[in-house]
Protein backbone atom coordinates (compact mmCIF):
# COMPACT_ATOMS: atom_id res chain seq x y z
CA MET A 1 13.20 40.63 26.89
CA ALA A 2 10.07 38.77 28.03
CA ASP A 3 9.49 37.55 24.41
CA HIS A 4 13.08 36.21 24.21
CA THR A 5 12.74 34.40 27.45
CA SER A 6 9.37 32.90 26.37
CA SER A 7 10.90 31.75 23.14
CA ASP A 8 13.84 30.06 24.93
CA TYR A 9 11.54 28.34 27.40
CA PHE A 10 8.83 27.17 25.03
CA SER A 11 10.74 26.51 21.83
CA CYS A 12 12.60 23.38 20.69
CA THR A 13 16.26 23.98 19.87
CA LEU A 14 16.18 21.37 17.14
CA CYS A 15 13.32 22.71 14.99
CA VAL A 16 13.42 26.27 16.52
CA ASN A 17 9.64 26.36 16.79
CA LEU A 18 7.03 26.17 19.60
CA LEU A 19 7.31 22.82 21.40
CA ARG A 20 5.02 20.10 20.02
CA ASP A 21 4.35 17.06 22.38
CA PRO A 22 7.27 18.20 24.58
CA VAL A 23 9.35 15.50 26.34
CA ALA A 24 12.08 15.90 28.95
CA ILE A 25 15.41 14.05 28.94
CA PRO A 26 17.48 13.22 32.12
CA CYS A 27 19.65 16.39 31.90
CA GLY A 28 16.44 18.50 32.17
CA HIS A 29 16.13 19.90 28.67
CA SER A 30 12.96 19.51 26.69
CA PHE A 31 12.36 18.90 22.97
CA CYS A 32 9.57 18.00 20.56
CA MET A 33 8.94 14.27 20.70
CA ASP A 34 9.47 13.87 16.93
CA CYS A 35 12.62 16.04 16.89
CA ILE A 36 14.54 14.25 19.66
CA SER A 37 13.39 10.82 18.46
CA GLY A 38 14.66 11.54 14.91
CA TYR A 39 17.92 13.01 16.27
CA TRP A 40 18.64 9.96 18.32
CA ASN A 41 17.53 7.48 15.64
CA GLU A 42 20.57 8.59 13.69
CA ALA A 43 22.79 7.66 16.67
CA ASP A 44 21.37 4.21 17.22
CA TYR A 45 24.28 2.48 15.47
CA THR A 46 26.89 4.09 17.79
CA GLY A 47 24.98 3.48 21.06
CA ILE A 48 25.94 7.06 22.22
CA TYR A 49 23.13 9.55 22.74
CA ILE A 50 23.94 13.24 23.13
CA CYS A 51 21.79 16.06 24.41
CA PRO A 52 21.65 18.58 21.50
CA GLN A 53 21.66 21.47 23.96
CA CYS A 54 24.19 20.76 26.74
CA LYS A 55 26.14 17.92 24.95
CA ILE A 56 25.81 15.51 27.95
CA THR A 57 26.15 11.94 26.65
CA PHE A 58 24.11 8.85 27.68
CA THR A 59 25.39 5.28 26.96
CA GLN A 60 21.81 3.98 26.98
CA ARG A 61 19.00 5.66 25.00
CA PRO A 62 16.99 7.61 27.60
CA VAL A 63 13.31 6.88 27.93
CA LEU A 64 11.32 9.88 26.68
CA ARG A 65 8.76 11.05 29.24
CA PRO A 66 6.09 13.66 28.29
CA ASN A 67 6.48 17.01 30.10
CA ALA A 68 2.84 17.53 31.10
CA THR A 69 3.38 21.07 32.38
CA LEU A 70 5.16 22.33 29.32
CA SER A 71 2.63 20.54 27.12
CA MET A 72 -0.24 22.38 28.90
CA VAL A 73 1.58 25.78 28.75
CA ALA A 74 2.43 25.33 25.06
CA GLU A 75 -1.18 24.45 24.27
CA LYS A 76 -2.41 27.54 26.08
CA ILE A 77 0.10 29.74 24.23
CA LYS A 78 -1.04 28.22 20.96
CA LYS A 79 -4.72 28.84 21.71
CA SER A 80 -3.95 32.44 22.88
CA GLY A 81 -2.71 33.27 19.36
CA LEU A 82 0.67 34.55 20.59
CA ASN A 83 3.39 33.98 17.95
CA LEU A 84 6.30 32.65 19.94
CA ASN A 85 7.75 30.58 17.05
CA VAL A 86 11.34 31.58 16.63
CA HIS A 87 11.68 30.12 13.18
CA VAL A 88 13.54 32.93 11.42
CA PRO A 89 13.55 33.54 7.65
CA GLN A 90 16.54 32.27 5.67
CA GLY A 91 19.50 34.55 5.53
CA ASN A 92 19.50 35.62 9.21
CA GLY A 93 22.17 33.09 10.17
CA TYR A 94 20.05 30.80 12.31
CA ALA A 95 20.03 27.08 11.56
CA GLY A 96 16.91 25.71 10.01
CA PRO A 97 15.76 22.08 10.00
CA SER A 98 18.02 21.20 7.00
CA ASP A 99 21.09 23.10 8.29
CA VAL A 100 23.90 21.92 10.49
CA PRO A 101 23.68 23.85 13.77
CA CYS A 102 26.65 25.24 15.72
CA ASP A 103 27.41 22.91 18.58
CA PHE A 104 28.54 25.78 20.90
CA CYS A 105 25.64 28.25 20.47
CA SER A 106 23.18 28.36 23.37
CA GLY A 107 19.52 29.04 22.83
CA LYS A 108 18.80 29.74 19.18
CA LYS A 109 21.69 28.13 17.30
CA LEU A 110 23.40 29.69 14.30
CA LYS A 111 24.26 27.82 11.16
CA ALA A 112 27.63 26.01 11.24
CA VAL A 113 30.09 27.09 8.55
CA LYS A 114 32.80 24.55 9.35
CA SER A 115 33.25 21.19 11.12
CA CYS A 116 36.39 20.11 12.89
CA LEU A 117 37.42 16.48 12.38
CA ASN A 118 39.60 16.59 15.50
CA CYS A 119 37.06 18.20 17.80
CA LEU A 120 34.19 16.31 16.19
CA ALA A 121 32.09 19.50 16.45
CA SER A 122 30.57 22.11 14.11
CA TYR A 123 31.11 25.85 14.51
CA CYS A 124 29.42 29.12 13.41
CA GLU A 125 31.63 32.03 12.32
CA LYS A 126 31.85 33.38 15.89
CA HIS A 127 32.83 30.10 17.61
CA LEU A 128 35.15 29.12 14.78
CA LYS A 129 37.55 32.06 15.49
CA PRO A 130 39.68 30.20 18.07
CA HIS A 131 40.58 27.63 15.34
CA TYR A 132 42.03 30.44 13.27
CA GLU A 133 43.54 32.51 16.12
CA SER A 134 44.89 29.98 18.71
CA ALA A 135 48.03 27.95 18.07
CA THR A 136 46.31 25.05 19.96
CA PHE A 137 43.93 24.44 17.00
CA LYS A 138 46.35 25.20 14.13
CA ARG A 139 46.76 21.50 13.35
CA HIS A 140 43.05 20.73 13.50
CA LYS A 141 41.48 19.71 10.21
CA LEU A 142 38.49 21.93 9.17
CA VAL A 143 36.05 20.85 6.50
CA ASP A 144 32.70 22.15 5.26
CA GLU A 145 29.94 21.69 7.78
CA LEU A 146 29.00 18.04 8.39
CA GLY A 147 26.12 16.50 10.22
CA ASN A 148 26.15 13.40 12.47
CA LEU A 149 29.72 13.84 13.59
CA ASP A 150 29.03 11.34 16.38
CA ARG A 151 29.36 8.64 13.71
CA LYS A 152 33.11 9.37 13.61
CA ILE A 153 33.43 8.05 17.17
CA CYS A 154 34.25 4.39 17.85
CA PRO A 155 31.07 3.04 19.51
CA GLN A 156 33.19 0.72 21.81
CA HIS A 157 36.00 3.03 22.92
CA GLN A 158 34.53 6.49 22.30
CA LYS A 159 37.72 7.52 20.44
CA SER A 160 37.97 9.08 16.96
CA LEU A 161 37.85 6.70 14.05
CA GLU A 162 41.24 7.33 12.36
CA LEU A 163 42.30 3.94 11.04
CA PHE A 164 40.92 1.27 8.66
CA CYS A 165 41.05 -2.51 9.16
CA ARG A 166 41.43 -4.17 5.73
CA THR A 167 40.91 -7.58 7.27
CA ASP A 168 37.32 -6.71 8.49
CA GLN A 169 36.72 -3.83 6.07
CA MET A 170 35.74 -1.28 8.67
CA CYS A 171 36.91 2.02 10.31
CA ILE A 172 38.50 1.64 13.80
CA CYS A 173 40.15 3.74 16.43
CA ALA A 174 43.65 3.42 17.84
CA ILE A 175 42.58 1.29 20.82
CA CYS A 176 40.92 -1.24 18.45
CA THR A 177 44.41 -2.06 17.02
CA VAL A 178 45.49 -3.63 20.29
CA SER A 179 42.21 -5.36 21.13
CA GLU A 180 39.62 -6.69 18.67
CA HIS A 181 41.67 -5.98 15.54
CA LYS A 182 45.08 -7.00 16.92
CA GLY A 183 47.20 -8.56 14.22
CA HIS A 184 44.91 -7.42 11.37
CA ASP A 185 46.02 -5.58 8.26
CA ILE A 186 45.55 -1.96 9.45
CA VAL A 187 46.34 1.26 7.57
CA SER A 188 45.42 4.92 8.06
CA ALA A 189 42.02 6.08 6.82
CA GLU A 190 43.83 8.44 4.34
CA ALA A 191 45.89 5.57 2.91
CA GLU A 192 42.86 3.35 2.46
CA ARG A 193 40.93 6.16 0.85
CA SER A 194 43.87 6.75 -1.51
CA GLU A 195 43.73 3.11 -2.57
CA LYS A 196 39.96 3.01 -2.95
CA GLN A 197 39.89 6.30 -4.77
CA LYS A 198 42.00 4.72 -7.55
CA LEU A 199 39.12 2.22 -8.04
CA LEU A 200 36.64 5.08 -8.33
CA GLY A 201 38.01 6.06 -11.79
CA ILE A 202 37.58 2.50 -13.00
CA SER A 203 34.14 2.18 -11.47
CA THR A 204 33.11 5.61 -12.84
CA SER A 205 34.22 4.58 -16.32
CA GLU A 206 32.33 1.24 -16.06
CA ILE A 207 29.27 2.94 -14.63
CA LYS A 208 29.41 5.59 -17.41
CA GLN A 209 29.70 2.93 -20.07
CA LYS A 210 26.89 0.88 -18.48
CA CYS A 211 24.74 4.00 -18.22
CA GLN A 212 25.23 4.66 -21.96
CA GLU A 213 24.29 1.02 -22.70
CA ARG A 214 21.23 1.33 -20.49
CA VAL A 215 20.26 4.64 -22.16
CA LYS A 216 20.50 2.94 -25.53
CA GLU A 217 18.49 -0.02 -24.30
CA LEU A 218 15.90 2.36 -22.84
CA GLU A 219 15.54 4.09 -26.24
CA GLU A 220 15.24 0.73 -27.96
CA LEU A 221 12.71 -0.44 -25.33
CA LYS A 222 10.67 2.76 -25.74
CA THR A 223 10.68 2.27 -29.51
CA ALA A 224 9.59 -1.40 -29.01
CA VAL A 225 6.83 -0.24 -26.59
CA ASP A 226 5.57 2.24 -29.13
CA SER A 227 5.63 -0.49 -31.81
CA LEU A 228 3.83 -2.77 -29.29
CA LYS A 229 1.17 -0.12 -28.70
CA ASN A 230 0.68 0.41 -32.46
CA SER A 231 0.47 -3.37 -33.09
CA ALA A 232 -2.05 -3.76 -30.23
CA GLN A 233 -4.11 -0.82 -31.50
CA ARG A 234 -4.06 -2.18 -35.06
CA ALA A 235 -5.08 -5.69 -33.81
CA MET A 236 -7.91 -4.18 -31.82
CA VAL A 237 -9.24 -2.08 -34.71
CA GLU A 238 -9.03 -4.99 -37.22
CA SER A 239 -10.53 -7.44 -34.72
CA GLN A 240 -13.31 -5.00 -34.00
CA LYS A 241 -14.09 -4.64 -37.69
CA MET A 242 -14.07 -8.45 -38.32
CA PHE A 243 -16.33 -8.99 -35.25
CA GLU A 244 -18.67 -6.35 -36.62
CA ASP A 245 -18.67 -8.14 -40.01
CA MET A 246 -19.51 -11.35 -38.19
CA ILE A 247 -22.31 -9.68 -36.31
CA ARG A 248 -23.68 -8.28 -39.54
CA SER A 249 -23.48 -11.76 -41.05
CA ILE A 250 -25.42 -13.17 -38.10
CA GLU A 251 -27.90 -10.34 -38.43
CA ARG A 252 -28.46 -11.21 -42.12
CA MET A 253 -28.97 -14.88 -41.06
CA ARG A 254 -31.46 -13.81 -38.45
CA SER A 255 -33.26 -11.62 -41.03
CA GLU A 256 -33.44 -14.58 -43.48
CA VAL A 257 -34.79 -16.95 -40.83
CA THR A 258 -37.31 -14.37 -39.69
CA LYS A 259 -38.42 -13.80 -43.26
CA LEU A 260 -38.72 -17.55 -43.90
CA ILE A 261 -40.91 -18.02 -40.86
CA GLY A 262 -43.06 -15.10 -41.85
CA ILE A 263 -43.58 -16.33 -45.46
CA ASN A 264 -44.53 -19.86 -44.28
CA GLU A 265 -46.78 -18.44 -41.60
CA LYS A 266 -48.59 -16.16 -44.13
CA ALA A 267 -49.04 -19.02 -46.69
CA ALA A 268 -50.41 -21.38 -44.05
CA LEU A 269 -52.78 -18.66 -42.66
CA ASN A 270 -54.07 -17.78 -46.20
CA GLN A 271 -54.76 -21.40 -46.91
CA ALA A 272 -56.48 -21.90 -43.58
CA GLU A 273 -58.64 -18.73 -44.08
CA ALA A 274 -59.91 -20.04 -47.49
CA LEU A 275 -60.84 -23.33 -45.89
CA VAL A 276 -62.50 -21.55 -42.94
CA GLU A 277 -64.64 -19.46 -45.35
CA ARG A 278 -65.74 -22.57 -47.34
CA LEU A 279 -66.55 -24.52 -44.18
CA GLU A 280 -68.63 -21.55 -42.83
CA GLN A 281 -70.59 -21.53 -46.08
CA GLU A 282 -71.27 -25.22 -45.92
CA ILE A 283 -72.37 -24.99 -42.34
CA ASP A 284 -74.87 -22.26 -43.27
CA GLU A 285 -76.33 -24.42 -46.04
CA LEU A 286 -76.54 -27.47 -43.79
CA LYS A 287 -78.35 -25.42 -41.13
CA LYS A 288 -80.90 -24.24 -43.79
CA LYS A 289 -81.46 -27.76 -44.94
CA GLU A 290 -81.89 -28.92 -41.35
CA SER A 291 -84.54 -26.23 -40.79
CA GLY A 292 -86.39 -27.30 -44.01
CA LEU A 293 -86.44 -30.90 -42.94
CA LYS A 294 -88.00 -30.02 -39.60
CA GLN A 295 -90.70 -27.96 -41.40
CA LEU A 296 -91.32 -30.83 -43.84
CA TYR A 297 -91.67 -33.27 -41.03
CA SER A 298 -94.31 -31.23 -39.31
CA THR A 299 -96.47 -30.33 -42.43
CA ASP A 300 -100.00 -31.77 -42.92
CA ASP A 301 -99.92 -31.23 -46.70
CA HIS A 302 -99.12 -34.60 -48.19
CA ILE A 303 -98.52 -33.26 -51.69
CA HIS A 304 -96.02 -30.59 -50.35
CA PHE A 305 -94.25 -33.30 -48.33
CA LEU A 306 -93.81 -35.65 -51.30
CA GLN A 307 -92.75 -32.82 -53.71
CA ASN A 308 -89.87 -31.63 -51.37
CA PHE A 309 -88.86 -34.97 -49.85
CA ASN A 310 -86.35 -35.94 -52.54
CA TYR A 311 -84.64 -32.53 -52.53
CA LEU A 312 -84.36 -32.19 -48.76
CA CYS A 313 -83.42 -35.78 -48.06
CA THR A 314 -80.68 -35.99 -50.67
CA PRO A 315 -77.39 -37.07 -48.78
CA THR A 316 -74.81 -34.23 -48.21
CA ASP A 317 -71.88 -34.46 -50.58
CA ASP A 318 -68.92 -35.11 -48.22
CA GLY A 319 -66.44 -34.62 -51.04
CA PHE A 320 -67.49 -31.01 -51.57
CA ILE A 321 -64.81 -29.85 -49.12
CA PRO A 322 -61.99 -32.17 -48.19
CA LYS A 323 -61.49 -32.87 -44.58
CA VAL A 324 -58.64 -30.65 -43.28
CA THR A 325 -56.44 -31.61 -40.25
CA LEU A 326 -53.16 -29.98 -39.04
CA ASN A 327 -50.10 -32.09 -39.95
CA PRO A 328 -48.67 -33.22 -36.62
CA ASP A 329 -45.15 -33.41 -38.06
CA PHE A 330 -45.16 -29.71 -38.90
CA SER A 331 -44.10 -27.17 -36.20
CA PHE A 332 -42.01 -24.02 -36.12
CA GLY A 333 -40.32 -25.62 -33.11
CA ALA A 334 -38.10 -27.30 -35.60
CA VAL A 335 -36.86 -23.85 -36.61
CA ARG A 336 -36.23 -22.96 -32.96
CA LYS A 337 -34.18 -26.14 -32.54
CA ALA A 338 -32.17 -25.39 -35.72
CA VAL A 339 -31.39 -21.84 -34.48
CA ALA A 340 -30.50 -23.19 -31.05
CA ALA A 341 -28.10 -25.65 -32.64
CA ILE A 342 -26.46 -22.89 -34.69
CA LYS A 343 -26.10 -20.84 -31.40
CA GLU A 344 -24.47 -23.79 -29.62
CA ARG A 345 -22.04 -24.51 -32.50
CA LEU A 346 -21.08 -20.85 -32.66
CA GLU A 347 -20.45 -20.64 -28.94
CA GLU A 348 -18.36 -23.80 -28.92
CA PHE A 349 -16.43 -22.74 -31.93
CA GLY A 350 -15.85 -19.31 -30.29
CA ARG A 351 -14.57 -20.90 -27.09
CA GLU A 352 -12.18 -23.13 -28.98
CA GLU A 353 -10.91 -20.32 -31.14
CA LEU A 354 -10.55 -17.99 -28.15
CA MET A 355 -8.40 -20.61 -26.36
CA MET A 356 -6.24 -20.96 -29.37
CA ILE A 357 -5.84 -17.16 -29.71
CA SER A 358 -5.08 -16.85 -25.99
CA LYS A 359 -2.49 -19.66 -26.19
CA THR A 360 -0.87 -18.23 -29.27
CA VAL A 361 -0.55 -14.78 -27.62
CA ASN A 362 0.63 -16.02 -24.18
CA ASP A 363 3.18 -18.47 -25.43
CA VAL A 364 5.11 -15.77 -27.32
CA PRO A 365 7.38 -13.85 -24.80
CA VAL A 366 6.96 -10.10 -25.10
CA TYR A 367 10.46 -9.25 -23.84
CA THR A 368 13.56 -11.38 -24.16
CA SER A 369 17.27 -10.93 -23.42
CA GLU A 370 20.09 -13.26 -24.20
CA SER A 371 21.27 -14.84 -20.90
CA ARG A 372 21.94 -11.47 -19.27
CA THR A 373 20.44 -10.06 -16.08
CA LEU A 374 18.22 -7.03 -16.39
CA ASP A 375 19.51 -5.75 -13.05
CA ARG A 376 17.57 -2.52 -12.79
CA ARG A 377 15.97 -1.08 -9.78
CA SER A 378 13.83 1.89 -9.00
CA LYS A 379 11.93 2.81 -5.85
CA GLY A 380 8.85 0.60 -5.32
CA GLN A 381 9.76 -1.82 -8.11
CA ASP A 382 11.09 -5.35 -8.22
CA TYR A 383 14.34 -6.47 -9.77
CA ASN A 384 13.43 -8.48 -12.85
CA MET A 385 15.56 -11.06 -14.57
CA THR A 386 14.08 -12.30 -17.83
CA THR A 387 15.77 -14.72 -20.24
CA VAL A 388 14.74 -16.23 -23.47
CA ASP A 389 12.45 -19.05 -22.62
CA ARG A 390 13.75 -22.18 -24.28
CA SER A 391 11.86 -24.50 -21.95
CA HIS A 392 9.80 -25.99 -24.80
CA ALA A 393 12.75 -26.22 -27.22
CA ASN A 394 15.47 -27.67 -24.91
CA PRO A 395 15.20 -30.68 -22.65
CA GLU A 396 15.80 -30.21 -18.90
CA PRO A 397 19.58 -30.01 -18.03
CA ARG A 398 21.21 -33.19 -16.63
CA SER A 399 24.93 -32.55 -16.32
CA ARG A 400 26.53 -29.66 -14.43
CA ALA A 401 27.78 -28.23 -17.76
CA ASP A 402 24.11 -28.11 -18.87
CA PHE A 403 23.01 -26.35 -15.65
CA ILE A 404 25.83 -23.77 -15.91
CA LYS A 405 24.32 -22.62 -19.26
CA TYR A 406 21.55 -21.05 -17.18
CA PHE A 407 23.90 -19.55 -14.55
CA CYS A 408 22.83 -16.10 -13.20
CA GLN A 409 24.97 -13.95 -10.95
CA LEU A 410 22.98 -12.99 -7.83
CA LYS A 411 23.60 -10.19 -5.29
CA LEU A 412 22.45 -9.95 -1.74
CA ASP A 413 20.08 -7.12 -0.93
CA PRO A 414 21.21 -5.27 2.25
CA ILE A 415 17.80 -3.65 2.78
CA THR A 416 16.34 -7.11 3.59
CA ALA A 417 19.26 -8.30 5.80
CA TYR A 418 18.69 -9.09 9.49
CA LYS A 419 20.82 -6.65 11.62
CA GLU A 420 23.27 -9.35 12.73
CA LEU A 421 24.22 -10.19 9.11
CA SER A 422 27.31 -8.61 7.65
CA ILE A 423 27.44 -8.48 3.81
CA SER A 424 30.77 -8.30 1.93
CA GLU A 425 32.65 -9.32 -1.22
CA HIS A 426 30.54 -7.21 -3.59
CA SER A 427 27.26 -8.33 -1.99
CA ARG A 428 28.00 -12.00 -2.56
CA LYS A 429 28.95 -13.14 0.96
CA VAL A 430 27.04 -12.90 4.28
CA ILE A 431 28.35 -13.70 7.73
CA ARG A 432 26.39 -14.05 11.05
CA THR A 433 27.95 -11.76 13.61
CA ARG A 434 27.28 -10.96 17.27
CA ASP A 435 27.34 -7.19 16.62
CA LEU A 436 24.49 -5.21 15.17
CA GLN A 437 25.27 -3.77 11.72
CA PRO A 438 24.57 -0.08 10.97
CA TYR A 439 21.52 -0.75 8.93
CA GLY A 440 18.62 1.72 8.94
CA GLU A 441 15.01 0.82 9.59
CA ASN A 442 13.28 -0.53 6.51
CA PRO A 443 9.93 -2.26 6.08
CA GLU A 444 11.64 -4.86 3.83
CA ARG A 445 14.14 -5.94 6.53
CA PHE A 446 13.75 -9.25 8.45
CA ASP A 447 13.65 -8.13 12.11
CA SER A 448 13.51 -11.53 13.89
CA PHE A 449 15.22 -14.18 11.74
CA ALA A 450 18.78 -14.18 10.42
CA GLN A 451 17.61 -14.10 6.76
CA VAL A 452 18.43 -12.11 3.68
CA LEU A 453 16.99 -12.09 0.14
CA CYS A 454 18.67 -11.35 -3.18
CA ARG A 455 18.07 -8.27 -5.21
CA GLU A 456 16.96 -10.18 -8.37
CA GLY A 457 13.41 -11.32 -8.98
CA LEU A 458 13.55 -14.38 -11.26
CA SER A 459 10.75 -15.14 -13.73
CA GLY A 460 10.00 -16.07 -17.31
CA GLY A 461 12.74 -18.70 -17.86
CA ARG A 462 15.46 -21.01 -16.44
CA PHE A 463 18.09 -20.04 -13.84
CA TYR A 464 20.89 -21.73 -11.97
CA TRP A 465 23.14 -20.63 -9.05
CA GLU A 466 25.47 -22.22 -6.53
CA ILE A 467 26.37 -21.34 -2.96
CA GLU A 468 28.95 -22.38 -0.37
CA TRP A 469 27.85 -22.64 3.26
CA SER A 470 28.96 -23.44 6.79
CA GLY A 471 26.91 -23.93 9.90
CA GLU A 472 23.20 -24.86 9.78
CA PHE A 473 21.43 -22.78 7.17
CA SER A 474 18.48 -22.67 4.78
CA ILE A 475 18.52 -21.92 1.08
CA GLY A 476 15.39 -21.22 -0.96
CA ALA A 477 13.29 -18.70 -2.75
CA ALA A 478 10.29 -16.55 -1.86
CA TYR A 479 7.75 -14.18 -3.41
CA ARG A 480 8.34 -10.48 -2.70
CA GLY A 481 5.26 -10.43 -0.43
CA ILE A 482 6.81 -12.70 2.26
CA SER A 483 6.39 -11.13 5.69
CA ARG A 484 9.44 -9.49 7.25
CA LYS A 485 8.33 -8.40 10.74
CA GLY A 486 7.76 -10.65 13.73
CA LYS A 487 8.64 -14.17 14.81
CA GLY A 488 5.80 -16.05 13.19
CA SER A 489 6.03 -18.66 10.46
CA LEU A 490 4.89 -16.11 7.85
CA CYS A 491 8.44 -14.70 7.94
CA LEU A 492 10.44 -17.93 7.89
CA LEU A 493 11.69 -19.35 4.56
CA GLY A 494 9.70 -22.55 3.75
CA TYR A 495 7.17 -22.11 6.58
CA ASN A 496 4.44 -20.41 4.50
CA ASP A 497 2.81 -20.52 1.12
CA LYS A 498 5.04 -17.76 -0.19
CA SER A 499 8.37 -19.56 0.01
CA TRP A 500 10.22 -22.88 -0.56
CA SER A 501 13.47 -23.88 1.14
CA LEU A 502 16.00 -26.66 1.84
CA LEU A 503 17.28 -26.78 5.43
CA CYS A 504 20.91 -27.90 5.50
CA SER A 505 23.04 -29.04 8.46
CA ASP A 506 25.93 -31.40 9.19
CA THR A 507 23.38 -34.13 10.06
CA GLY A 508 21.29 -34.00 6.93
CA TYR A 509 18.69 -32.14 4.87
CA SER A 510 14.97 -31.38 4.93
CA ALA A 511 12.72 -29.67 2.42
CA TRP A 512 10.07 -27.20 3.61
CA HIS A 513 7.00 -25.49 2.15
CA ASN A 514 3.96 -24.09 3.92
CA ARG A 515 5.17 -25.61 7.31
CA VAL A 516 5.28 -29.09 5.78
CA ASP A 517 8.73 -30.76 5.90
CA LYS A 518 10.06 -33.79 4.11
CA ALA A 519 13.24 -35.58 5.09
CA VAL A 520 15.88 -35.63 2.31
CA SER A 521 18.70 -38.05 1.94
CA GLY A 522 21.86 -37.29 0.06
CA PRO A 523 25.64 -36.76 0.38
CA HIS A 524 26.78 -33.91 2.56
CA SER A 525 28.46 -31.11 0.58
CA PRO A 526 29.59 -27.60 1.44
CA ARG A 527 28.31 -26.52 -2.01
CA ILE A 528 24.65 -26.57 -3.08
CA GLY A 529 23.35 -25.93 -6.59
CA VAL A 530 19.83 -24.55 -7.21
CA TYR A 531 17.95 -24.82 -10.44
CA LEU A 532 14.76 -22.89 -11.21
CA ASP A 533 12.46 -23.32 -14.24
CA HIS A 534 9.92 -20.63 -13.45
CA ASN A 535 7.59 -21.44 -16.36
CA ALA A 536 7.56 -25.18 -15.65
CA GLY A 537 7.13 -24.64 -11.91
CA VAL A 538 10.33 -26.56 -10.92
CA LEU A 539 12.71 -25.59 -8.02
CA ALA A 540 15.38 -28.17 -7.47
CA PHE A 541 18.38 -28.49 -5.12
CA TYR A 542 21.55 -30.44 -5.80
CA SER A 543 24.61 -31.50 -3.80
CA ILE A 544 27.77 -30.51 -5.69
CA ALA A 545 30.85 -32.61 -5.35
CA SER A 546 32.65 -34.72 -7.94
CA SER A 547 29.15 -35.18 -9.40
CA MET A 548 25.72 -33.58 -8.92
CA THR A 549 23.15 -35.39 -6.77
CA LEU A 550 19.51 -34.33 -6.72
CA LEU A 551 18.49 -33.66 -3.11
CA HIS A 552 14.92 -32.43 -3.54
CA ARG A 553 12.66 -31.09 -6.29
CA PHE A 554 9.57 -28.93 -5.82
CA GLU A 555 6.95 -28.99 -8.58
CA THR A 556 4.20 -26.40 -8.42
CA THR A 557 2.92 -23.33 -10.32
CA PHE A 558 4.77 -20.08 -9.68
CA THR A 559 2.54 -17.04 -10.01
CA GLU A 560 5.07 -14.29 -9.17
CA PRO A 561 8.80 -13.61 -9.54
CA LEU A 562 10.90 -15.58 -7.04
CA TYR A 563 13.65 -13.95 -4.94
CA PRO A 564 16.43 -16.34 -3.84
CA GLY A 565 17.01 -16.13 -0.05
CA PHE A 566 19.12 -17.58 2.75
CA GLY A 567 18.77 -18.29 6.49
CA VAL A 568 22.30 -17.86 7.76
CA GLY A 569 23.84 -19.99 10.55
CA THR A 570 27.51 -19.04 10.13
CA SER A 571 28.17 -17.91 6.56
CA VAL A 572 26.86 -18.19 3.05
CA LYS A 573 28.69 -17.26 -0.16
CA ILE A 574 27.13 -16.99 -3.61
CA CYS A 575 29.65 -18.60 -6.04
CA ASN A 576 30.82 -17.00 -9.29
CA ILE A 577 31.16 -20.07 -11.43
CA LYS A 578 31.84 -18.26 -14.68
């Protein structure tokens, strides 16, 4: 009994484990901070917050205050080693973190087996019996257990959502029909589902066909990638071999020059050594003669002096050994200069050829598709739209018919939309509302400015799209890395180095980039055309009426895919001009 009581007091009814960072809510019950925060995060869009234990409702999200006493007791229990966790193995009937708990169990909650759409509650086997046994519940509709039943309550009138407003495309309650949605096209939820379910077959067939096409494209792409890898590997092997041949050729040239220098050095040295030997011999003879002359000069014997005078005083024969001097015009420095010239010419030639190779490789697109959007998305990846780049082959378009050749159908990306923006018409229209939309938290969402980006990242070619607008708004394009959180200029289209925009109002236009604006003159029009030549670095805006008028043209170098985006005053609609 004591253990059970301890478990009830010190365990969280949401995770059924010992309390972690316990917090108390106004009704007195305590939960883990993470558990109750996650539970109420799912109810943010309704504005109704329910105690998971006693079912008391709060119209404002209660402030979570740490329960210092419980926190201290739970910590002591944890350190004592007592196992008070009441997480029970699967199969015992108790609800785990991924199960829907019974709304009427107290303490440890059992798994729900059914949910009642009339009661908006979930029941275990025990608490479900009245629905089978009492006539009061005979007409209630039971379904397999569902979580988050509070989402089926009208956030404004706290009544069940039973009807559908076709005018506003949203579920409503009965009271909504005589207030906010009075005079609208309203049907039962069942009737609307019946109509929409007919479209599912068509959509399923289209998706199936598209999936088959994508699978085929994937197989073709994989084959192309394998071919690309083989081609790259072959090019690397052959290039390596040719560079090795060139290196061997240079090695042979080096060897020949080294040999040439060695031969000439040896010949010069041999010649010099012979001359040195002869000069040394002559010096010895001259020294002997000098010594004899000194002796002759000092002798007292007149006969000896006269007999040797002619021999010793005979002039030295200067022609015996030719005078040798080093040719000042000869130097191995000339060889060094010649080799340096070869090196410089090789390097210059290599740079020029490398630039030509690089240009040849970079100017040929690796992947092309004929004027069709590659609208594929996976977690953590960009949308990519790539078209055949005909920028060099075709002149820049001038008439609207020329621009429409590059038309691309864009779709708004809800995960980037500010919470007061409502997206409709197959993700092609956005309206600024006063009500917060039921969007979840997302790091890619703009949280301070009424802005939204498109799903498609545009790069590698030419693109054109048109929009209709009302109220002051901005239209532009941004890199994926534009900031989304906060009120600074880093998040606003055109106010940073990651985006370009045209601000439109009833009084005129202005072009913006990196917080620098430029006044733009041109005819007012409710339709704006946008032309992007990503390779050429051109982003241009046109007023569309009976004729096209250029409003502003940005010319720069785009280093990443661009995502079209809008700052919404009243409404913006992406036109389908095909």
